[in-house]
């Protein structure tokens, strides 16, 4: 195969590695593009294109993550990964690991790890790389990688998210949730929520949001059941869609532009966490982004009787 063909065959794997390290679709795409440029510029043909490109994209992503950590510390409000509508890399042998590792909850848990721990954990535990391959990718000895993995596993096991295994049951619950949301059915919403459910939003200070954090089934149901019927009234729509492998929706304005995403963590037949990504900087890869401030103003006008 030509270099282009080899690269295209591996593109989905490279993106999936970079996204899990970075939690950013745009930065992952940039890392993959930079890996291609280095591969294309290499004066010799690597013995293994997969090894060369995996190592290259991992090291690029680690460097980007180190600088991104500084920006995230100054981030306004809660920080969430950029929502991913579908993971392009599929491997039936590692389907469970891949699905678990891309959820919002798992990506937030990965934030507890150092960049090296994160890369080692993902390459070994999620993508099934051998220790020799992991060591080459991160530029450490196999012994050092084993130690990094032990530390990473301890952090991850302490807070590892657990979700419903039955996808059909999760989707059925999500359907009921979004139906109740559209109808403003506060009681119906409350029945679907865990007692200690959390509603958390990431606006980055760049968009209006329901709230940074609301806790408790009654509080969350009342807030959602009050706000969403007014949004529906001005032709805002909830488009059901998996978000990071979990049930969710893309919320759009009357022109079809993206306002935010909602993702649901489901456990024991109840919704445990609702995460909303409203920051427009994190939505552009989904489609044209709407003006959330204008929508907020219109809702206020309608509610006041002036709309």
Protein backbone atom coordinates (compact mmCIF):
# COMPACT_ATOMS: atom_id res chain seq x y z
CA UNK A 1 0.00 0.00 0.00
CA UNK A 2 1.00 3.61 -0.47
CA UNK A 3 1.62 5.85 2.53
CA UNK A 4 -1.73 7.51 2.01
CA UNK A 5 -3.53 4.15 1.98
CA UNK A 6 -1.71 2.96 5.10
CA UNK A 7 -2.53 6.19 6.91
CA UNK A 8 -6.21 6.14 5.92
CA UNK A 9 -6.51 2.56 7.11
CA UNK A 10 -5.24 3.66 10.54
CA UNK A 11 -6.92 7.08 10.77
CA UNK A 12 -9.86 5.94 12.92
CA UNK A 13 -7.53 4.23 15.42
CA UNK A 14 -5.29 7.30 15.60
CA UNK A 15 -8.24 9.62 16.18
CA UNK A 16 -9.65 7.37 18.88
CA UNK A 17 -6.32 7.31 20.73
CA UNK A 18 -5.88 11.07 20.46
CA UNK A 19 -9.47 11.87 21.49
CA UNK A 20 -9.26 9.74 24.62
CA UNK A 21 -5.99 11.36 25.63
CA UNK A 22 -7.16 14.91 24.90
CA UNK A 23 -10.94 14.89 25.39
CA UNK A 24 -11.19 17.22 22.41
CA UNK A 25 -12.41 16.39 18.91
CA UNK A 26 -10.71 19.39 17.30
CA UNK A 27 -7.37 18.80 19.06
CA UNK A 28 -7.52 15.09 18.24
CA UNK A 29 -8.09 15.85 14.57
CA UNK A 30 -5.13 18.27 14.63
CA UNK A 31 -2.94 15.61 16.28
CA UNK A 32 -3.88 13.06 13.61
CA UNK A 33 -3.12 15.56 10.84
CA UNK A 34 0.27 16.35 12.39
CA UNK A 35 1.02 12.63 12.64
CA UNK A 36 0.28 12.29 8.92
CA UNK A 37 2.63 15.17 8.06
CA UNK A 38 5.46 13.54 10.02
CA UNK A 39 4.72 10.16 8.45
CA UNK A 40 4.64 11.64 4.97
CA UNK A 41 7.88 13.56 5.59
CA UNK A 42 9.75 10.51 6.92
CA UNK A 43 12.62 9.78 4.51
CA UNK A 44 12.35 6.03 5.13
CA UNK A 45 9.40 3.68 5.18
CA UNK A 46 8.78 2.56 8.79
CA UNK A 47 8.81 -1.18 9.41
CA UNK A 48 5.32 -0.81 10.90
CA UNK A 49 3.09 2.09 9.90
CA UNK A 50 0.82 1.33 12.85
CA UNK A 51 3.69 1.50 15.35
CA UNK A 52 5.10 4.69 13.83
CA UNK A 53 1.78 6.51 13.62
CA UNK A 54 0.50 5.32 17.02
CA UNK A 55 3.72 6.46 18.66
CA UNK A 56 3.65 9.78 16.82
CA UNK A 57 0.03 10.63 17.59
CA UNK A 58 0.43 9.55 21.24
CA UNK A 59 3.45 11.79 21.79
CA UNK A 60 1.78 14.73 20.04
CA UNK A 61 -1.33 14.26 22.18
CA UNK A 62 0.71 14.05 25.41
CA UNK A 63 2.44 17.34 24.57
CA UNK A 64 -0.86 19.03 23.75
CA UNK A 65 -2.46 17.69 26.94
CA UNK A 66 0.31 19.12 29.10
CA UNK A 67 -0.34 22.61 27.78
CA UNK A 68 -4.12 22.08 27.85
CA UNK A 69 -3.99 21.26 31.57
CA UNK A 70 -2.89 24.82 32.27
CA UNK A 71 -5.85 26.23 30.31
CA UNK A 72 -8.29 23.88 32.03
CA UNK A 73 -7.19 25.07 35.46
CA UNK A 74 -8.34 28.58 34.49
CA UNK A 75 -11.56 27.35 32.84
CA UNK A 76 -14.78 29.07 33.91
CA UNK A 77 -17.04 26.55 35.65
CA UNK A 78 -17.04 22.76 35.14
CA UNK A 79 -14.94 21.43 32.26
CA UNK A 80 -16.27 18.57 30.11
CA UNK A 81 -14.75 16.87 27.07
CA UNK A 82 -16.03 17.87 23.64
CA UNK A 83 -19.06 15.67 22.92
CA UNK A 84 -18.43 12.81 20.50
CA UNK A 85 -21.40 11.58 18.47
CA UNK A 86 -19.74 8.40 17.22
CA UNK A 87 -16.39 6.69 17.74
CA UNK A 88 -14.94 5.92 14.29
CA UNK A 89 -12.76 3.05 15.55
CA UNK A 90 -14.46 -0.31 15.92
CA UNK A 91 -12.81 -3.47 17.25
CA UNK A 92 -15.23 -6.28 18.21
CA UNK A 93 -12.57 -7.89 20.39
CA UNK A 94 -12.35 -4.75 22.53
CA UNK A 95 -15.87 -3.38 22.15
CA UNK A 96 -16.55 -3.15 25.91
CA UNK A 97 -13.28 -1.38 26.70
CA UNK A 98 -13.73 1.05 23.83
CA UNK A 99 -17.32 1.88 24.80
CA UNK A 100 -16.54 2.36 28.50
CA UNK A 101 -13.49 4.52 27.87
CA UNK A 102 -15.25 7.09 25.66
CA UNK A 103 -18.06 7.99 28.08
CA UNK A 104 -18.05 11.45 29.63
CA UNK A 105 -17.69 9.90 33.08
CA UNK A 106 -14.63 7.87 32.06
CA UNK A 107 -12.96 10.80 30.29
CA UNK A 108 -13.47 12.97 33.35
CA UNK A 109 -11.98 10.22 35.51
CA UNK A 110 -8.96 10.08 33.18
CA UNK A 111 -8.37 13.74 34.02
CA UNK A 112 -7.08 12.56 37.40
CA UNK A 113 -4.14 10.86 35.72
CA UNK A 114 -0.91 12.44 34.58
CA UNK A 115 -0.52 12.66 30.79
CA UNK A 116 1.87 9.68 30.79
CA UNK A 117 -0.37 7.59 33.03
CA UNK A 118 -3.33 8.42 30.83
CA UNK A 119 -1.53 7.40 27.64
CA UNK A 120 -0.18 4.16 29.13
CA UNK A 121 -3.58 3.21 30.56
CA UNK A 122 -5.40 3.84 27.29
CA UNK A 123 -2.90 2.10 25.04
CA UNK A 124 -2.66 -0.97 27.27
CA UNK A 125 -6.13 -1.34 28.82
CA UNK A 126 -8.35 0.09 26.08
CA UNK A 127 -6.51 -0.56 22.83
CA UNK A 128 -4.68 -3.72 23.91
CA UNK A 129 -1.15 -2.69 22.93
CA UNK A 130 1.70 -4.89 24.15
CA UNK A 131 4.01 -3.48 26.81
CA UNK A 132 6.78 -3.18 24.23
CA UNK A 133 4.47 -1.10 22.00
CA UNK A 134 3.34 1.07 24.90
CA UNK A 135 6.93 1.67 25.99
CA UNK A 136 7.92 2.70 22.47
CA UNK A 137 4.92 5.02 22.17
CA UNK A 138 5.57 6.96 25.39
CA UNK A 139 9.38 6.77 25.36
CA UNK A 140 9.72 4.90 28.67
CA UNK A 141 11.00 1.45 29.62
CA UNK A 142 8.58 -1.45 29.90
CA UNK A 143 9.21 -1.56 33.66
CA UNK A 144 8.36 2.13 33.98
CA UNK A 145 5.19 1.61 31.94
CA UNK A 146 4.11 -1.22 34.23
CA UNK A 147 4.49 1.09 37.23
CA UNK A 148 2.60 3.86 35.47
CA UNK A 149 -0.19 1.41 34.67
CA UNK A 150 -0.45 0.23 38.29
CA UNK A 151 -0.90 3.82 39.48
CA UNK A 152 -3.38 4.58 36.72
CA UNK A 153 -5.46 1.48 37.48
CA UNK A 154 -5.73 2.47 41.16
CA UNK A 155 -7.08 5.90 40.24
CA UNK A 156 -9.48 4.50 37.66
CA UNK A 157 -10.79 1.61 39.80
CA UNK A 158 -11.54 4.00 42.68
CA UNK A 159 -14.06 5.91 40.60
CA UNK A 160 -14.73 3.73 37.56
CA UNK A 161 -18.19 4.47 36.16
CA UNK A 162 -20.66 1.60 35.92
CA UNK A 163 -23.47 1.76 33.41
CA UNK A 164 -26.40 -0.39 32.45
CA UNK A 165 -25.21 -3.25 30.25
CA UNK A 166 -28.48 -3.51 28.34
CA UNK A 167 -28.39 -0.86 25.62
CA UNK A 168 -32.09 -1.33 24.81
CA UNK A 169 -33.10 -0.60 28.42
CA UNK A 170 -30.96 2.54 28.50
CA UNK A 171 -32.46 3.78 25.26
CA UNK A 172 -36.01 3.07 26.46
CA UNK A 173 -35.33 5.07 29.62
CA UNK A 174 -33.81 7.90 27.58
CA UNK A 175 -36.87 7.96 25.28
CA UNK A 176 -39.18 8.30 28.28
CA UNK A 177 -36.95 11.03 29.69
CA UNK A 178 -36.97 13.15 26.54
CA UNK A 179 -40.72 12.66 26.08
CA UNK A 180 -41.31 13.92 29.62
CA UNK A 181 -38.88 16.75 29.00
CA UNK A 182 -40.79 17.98 25.95
CA UNK A 183 -44.10 17.75 27.81
CA UNK A 184 -42.81 19.52 30.90
CA UNK A 185 -43.91 16.49 32.93
CA UNK A 186 -42.12 17.20 36.22
CA UNK A 187 -43.52 14.12 37.94
CA UNK A 188 -42.62 11.90 35.00
CA UNK A 189 -39.09 13.28 34.98
CA UNK A 190 -38.67 12.78 38.71
CA UNK A 191 -39.69 9.12 38.40
CA UNK A 192 -36.77 8.53 36.02
CA UNK A 193 -34.10 10.25 38.11
CA UNK A 194 -31.95 8.83 40.90
CA UNK A 195 -32.57 10.49 44.27
CA UNK A 196 -29.11 12.09 44.19
CA UNK A 197 -29.06 12.85 40.46
CA UNK A 198 -26.80 15.69 39.32
CA UNK A 199 -27.42 18.12 36.46
CA UNK A 200 -24.14 19.76 35.50
CA UNK A 201 -23.41 22.20 32.66
CA UNK A 202 -20.26 23.27 30.84
CA UNK A 203 -20.68 26.73 29.34
CA UNK A 204 -17.14 27.99 29.81
CA UNK A 205 -18.58 31.43 30.50
CA UNK A 206 -19.47 31.71 26.81
CA UNK A 207 -23.15 30.74 26.79
CA UNK A 208 -26.20 30.77 29.06
CA UNK A 209 -26.83 27.48 30.78
CA UNK A 210 -29.49 25.87 32.90
CA UNK A 211 -27.17 25.79 35.91
CA UNK A 212 -23.62 24.90 36.73
CA UNK A 213 -24.85 22.19 39.09
CA UNK A 214 -28.22 21.10 40.48
CA UNK A 215 -28.56 18.09 42.79
CA UNK A 216 -31.57 15.98 43.72
CA UNK A 217 -34.42 14.46 41.71
CA UNK A 218 -37.01 17.04 42.72
CA UNK A 219 -34.77 20.03 41.98
CA UNK A 220 -33.54 18.70 38.64
CA UNK A 221 -37.02 17.63 37.49
CA UNK A 222 -38.53 20.98 38.41
CA UNK A 223 -35.83 22.93 36.59
CA UNK A 224 -35.93 20.85 33.41
CA UNK A 225 -39.70 20.58 33.42
CA UNK A 226 -40.02 24.34 33.70
CA UNK A 227 -37.43 25.41 31.13
CA UNK A 228 -37.78 22.96 28.24
CA UNK A 229 -41.46 23.54 27.37
CA UNK A 230 -40.60 27.20 26.77
CA UNK A 231 -37.74 26.16 24.50
CA UNK A 232 -40.07 23.84 22.58
CA UNK A 233 -42.50 26.74 22.22
CA UNK A 234 -39.91 28.73 20.25
CA UNK A 235 -39.18 25.71 18.02
CA UNK A 236 -36.08 24.39 19.81
CA UNK A 237 -35.79 20.64 19.20
CA UNK A 238 -34.18 17.73 21.08
CA UNK A 239 -32.66 15.31 18.56
CA UNK A 240 -32.01 11.96 20.30
CA UNK A 241 -28.45 10.82 19.73
CA UNK A 242 -25.79 8.85 21.51
CA UNK A 243 -23.26 11.19 23.12
CA UNK A 244 -19.95 9.55 23.96
CA UNK A 245 -21.57 6.15 23.80
CA UNK A 246 -24.34 7.05 26.26
CA UNK A 247 -27.98 8.04 25.65
CA UNK A 248 -28.36 11.73 24.94
CA UNK A 249 -29.53 14.40 22.55
CA UNK A 250 -28.39 17.29 20.41
CA UNK A 251 -30.48 20.41 21.11
CA UNK A 252 -31.02 22.64 18.07
CA UNK A 253 -32.65 26.01 17.40
CA UNK A 254 -35.42 26.56 14.83
CA UNK A 255 -32.81 26.81 12.06
CA UNK A 256 -31.27 23.46 13.00
CA UNK A 257 -28.16 25.01 14.53
CA UNK A 258 -26.59 23.34 17.57
CA UNK A 259 -27.27 24.93 20.96
CA UNK A 260 -25.97 22.22 23.27
CA UNK A 261 -25.79 18.50 23.93
CA UNK A 262 -27.24 16.45 26.76
CA UNK A 263 -25.81 13.10 27.89
CA UNK A 264 -27.31 10.72 30.45
CA UNK A 265 -25.49 8.33 32.78
CA UNK A 266 -27.85 5.44 33.57
CA UNK A 267 -27.46 2.96 36.44
CA UNK A 268 -29.91 0.69 38.25
CA UNK A 269 -32.81 1.84 36.07
CA UNK A 270 -32.38 5.51 36.94
CA UNK A 271 -30.56 8.50 35.46
CA UNK A 272 -27.61 9.29 37.73
CA UNK A 273 -26.04 12.29 35.96
CA UNK A 274 -27.15 14.68 33.22
CA UNK A 275 -24.32 16.58 31.54
CA UNK A 276 -24.90 19.53 29.23
CA UNK A 277 -22.18 20.96 26.99
CA UNK A 278 -23.18 24.52 26.03
CA UNK A 279 -19.80 26.10 25.31
CA UNK A 280 -19.99 26.98 21.57
CA UNK A 281 -16.25 26.33 21.19
CA UNK A 282 -16.95 22.64 21.86
CA UNK A 283 -19.85 22.20 19.44
CA UNK A 284 -18.58 23.29 16.02
CA UNK A 285 -17.62 19.76 14.93
CA UNK A 286 -21.28 18.70 15.27
CA UNK A 287 -22.55 21.38 12.89
CA UNK A 288 -23.23 25.13 12.63
CA UNK A 289 -23.59 26.56 16.13
CA UNK A 290 -26.61 28.65 17.07
CA UNK A 291 -26.75 31.79 19.17
CA UNK A 292 -27.69 30.50 22.61
CA UNK A 293 -27.84 34.04 24.01
CA UNK A 294 -30.46 35.00 21.40
CA UNK A 295 -32.50 31.91 22.27
CA UNK A 296 -32.28 32.78 25.95
CA UNK A 297 -33.51 36.32 25.27
CA UNK A 298 -36.40 35.04 23.15
CA UNK A 299 -37.50 32.65 25.88
CA UNK A 300 -37.49 35.49 28.40
CA UNK A 301 -39.61 37.62 26.06
CA UNK A 302 -42.13 34.84 25.52
CA UNK A 303 -42.35 34.06 29.22
CA UNK A 304 -42.93 37.70 30.04
CA UNK A 305 -45.73 37.92 27.47
CA UNK A 306 -43.77 40.26 25.20
CA UNK A 307 -42.89 37.64 22.60
